[in-house]
Amino acid sequence: MTTMSIAKKHHLSHKEAKAAAQKVADDLKDRFDLSYAWRGDSIAFQRSGLTGEMHVGRSEVRLDCQLGLMLTLLKPTLEAAIHKEFDKRFGKPA
């Protein structure tokens, strides 16, 4: 399995950051057929060949996941989609 970790600083309130994370999760669900569930300040998600968690902190959102063999080939595509969503929902880097 391959690990993928993406972190992004944000300046949103915690409530706004959780709402933004929900929108990211909804988008990833639609694009990549993920199922997910909130657990406190984190969203646990999975699909065949992928498990992970997105944690919403006070000043940072972090995505950590494990990719199976087939999805490892799509890692650059997945990373690009996640970076794009993070920039859209949490603000572009300065």
Protein backbone atom coordinates (compact mmCIF):
# COMPACT_ATOMS: atom_id res chain seq x y z
CA MET A 1 0.00 0.00 0.00
CA THR A 2 1.07 3.55 -0.74
CA THR A 3 0.52 6.40 1.69
CA MET A 4 -0.80 9.78 0.60
CA SER A 5 -0.74 12.73 3.02
CA ILE A 6 -1.87 16.26 2.23
CA ALA A 7 -2.06 19.13 4.73
CA LYS A 8 -3.31 22.67 4.22
CA LYS A 9 -3.32 25.64 6.57
CA HIS A 10 -6.54 27.63 6.77
CA HIS A 11 -7.87 30.78 8.43
CA LEU A 12 -11.49 29.67 8.78
CA SER A 13 -13.41 29.31 12.01
CA HIS A 14 -13.61 25.70 13.18
CA LYS A 15 -17.29 25.56 12.18
CA GLU A 16 -16.51 26.96 8.71
CA ALA A 17 -13.60 24.54 8.30
CA LYS A 18 -15.83 21.58 9.15
CA ALA A 19 -18.43 22.80 6.63
CA ALA A 20 -15.68 23.12 4.00
CA ALA A 21 -14.44 19.60 4.84
CA GLN A 22 -17.98 18.31 4.35
CA LYS A 23 -18.03 19.84 0.86
CA VAL A 24 -14.65 18.26 0.06
CA ALA A 25 -15.92 14.88 1.28
CA ASP A 26 -19.09 15.21 -0.81
CA ASP A 27 -17.04 16.06 -3.91
CA LEU A 28 -14.61 13.17 -3.37
CA LYS A 29 -17.55 10.83 -2.77
CA ASP A 30 -19.08 11.84 -6.10
CA ARG A 31 -15.81 11.69 -8.04
CA PHE A 32 -14.26 8.57 -6.54
CA ASP A 33 -17.24 6.63 -5.13
CA LEU A 34 -16.10 6.92 -1.50
CA SER A 35 -18.21 6.26 1.56
CA TYR A 36 -17.48 8.34 4.64
CA ALA A 37 -18.58 9.07 8.20
CA TRP A 38 -17.80 11.88 10.64
CA ARG A 39 -16.03 10.93 13.88
CA GLY A 40 -15.68 14.09 15.96
CA ASP A 41 -13.45 16.47 14.00
CA SER A 42 -12.44 13.82 11.47
CA ILE A 43 -14.01 12.18 8.46
CA ALA A 44 -13.15 8.50 8.01
CA PHE A 45 -13.60 7.28 4.45
CA GLN A 46 -13.13 4.17 2.40
CA ARG A 47 -13.70 2.41 -0.87
CA SER A 48 -12.19 -0.62 -2.46
CA GLY A 49 -8.42 -0.07 -2.43
CA LEU A 50 -8.51 3.08 -0.29
CA THR A 51 -8.94 3.94 3.39
CA GLY A 52 -8.20 7.20 5.13
CA GLU A 53 -9.12 10.09 7.32
CA MET A 54 -9.42 13.86 6.95
CA HIS A 55 -8.87 15.72 10.21
CA VAL A 56 -10.12 19.28 10.65
CA GLY A 57 -7.94 21.22 13.07
CA ARG A 58 -8.21 24.82 14.23
CA SER A 59 -5.71 26.05 11.64
CA GLU A 60 -5.03 23.07 9.39
CA VAL A 61 -6.86 20.34 7.54
CA ARG A 62 -4.99 17.08 6.95
CA LEU A 63 -5.78 14.12 4.75
CA ASP A 64 -4.01 10.81 5.31
CA CYS A 65 -4.87 7.71 3.34
CA GLN A 66 -3.61 4.35 2.19
CA LEU A 67 -3.91 3.49 -1.48
CA GLY A 68 -4.12 -0.08 -2.75
CA LEU A 69 -2.11 -1.27 -5.73
CA MET A 70 -4.57 -0.18 -8.42
CA LEU A 71 -5.16 3.28 -6.95
CA THR A 72 -1.43 3.83 -6.50
CA LEU A 73 -1.32 4.33 -10.26
CA LEU A 74 -3.86 7.15 -9.87
CA LYS A 75 -2.02 8.86 -6.99
CA PRO A 76 -1.02 11.96 -9.02
CA THR A 77 -4.62 12.37 -10.25
CA LEU A 78 -6.00 11.93 -6.73
CA GLU A 79 -3.48 14.39 -5.27
CA ALA A 80 -4.29 17.00 -7.93
CA ALA A 81 -8.04 16.66 -7.29
CA ILE A 82 -7.57 16.97 -3.53
CA HIS A 83 -5.23 19.97 -3.77
CA LYS A 84 -7.75 21.67 -6.07
CA GLU A 85 -10.61 21.03 -3.65
CA PHE A 86 -8.55 22.13 -0.64
CA ASP A 87 -7.59 25.37 -2.42
CA LYS A 88 -11.22 25.97 -3.41
CA ARG A 89 -12.68 25.26 0.05
CA PHE A 90 -9.91 26.38 2.42
CA GLY A 91 -8.25 29.16 0.40
CA LYS A 92 -5.35 29.22 -2.00
CA PRO A 93 -1.79 29.45 -0.65
CA ALA A 94 -0.49 32.99 -0.17
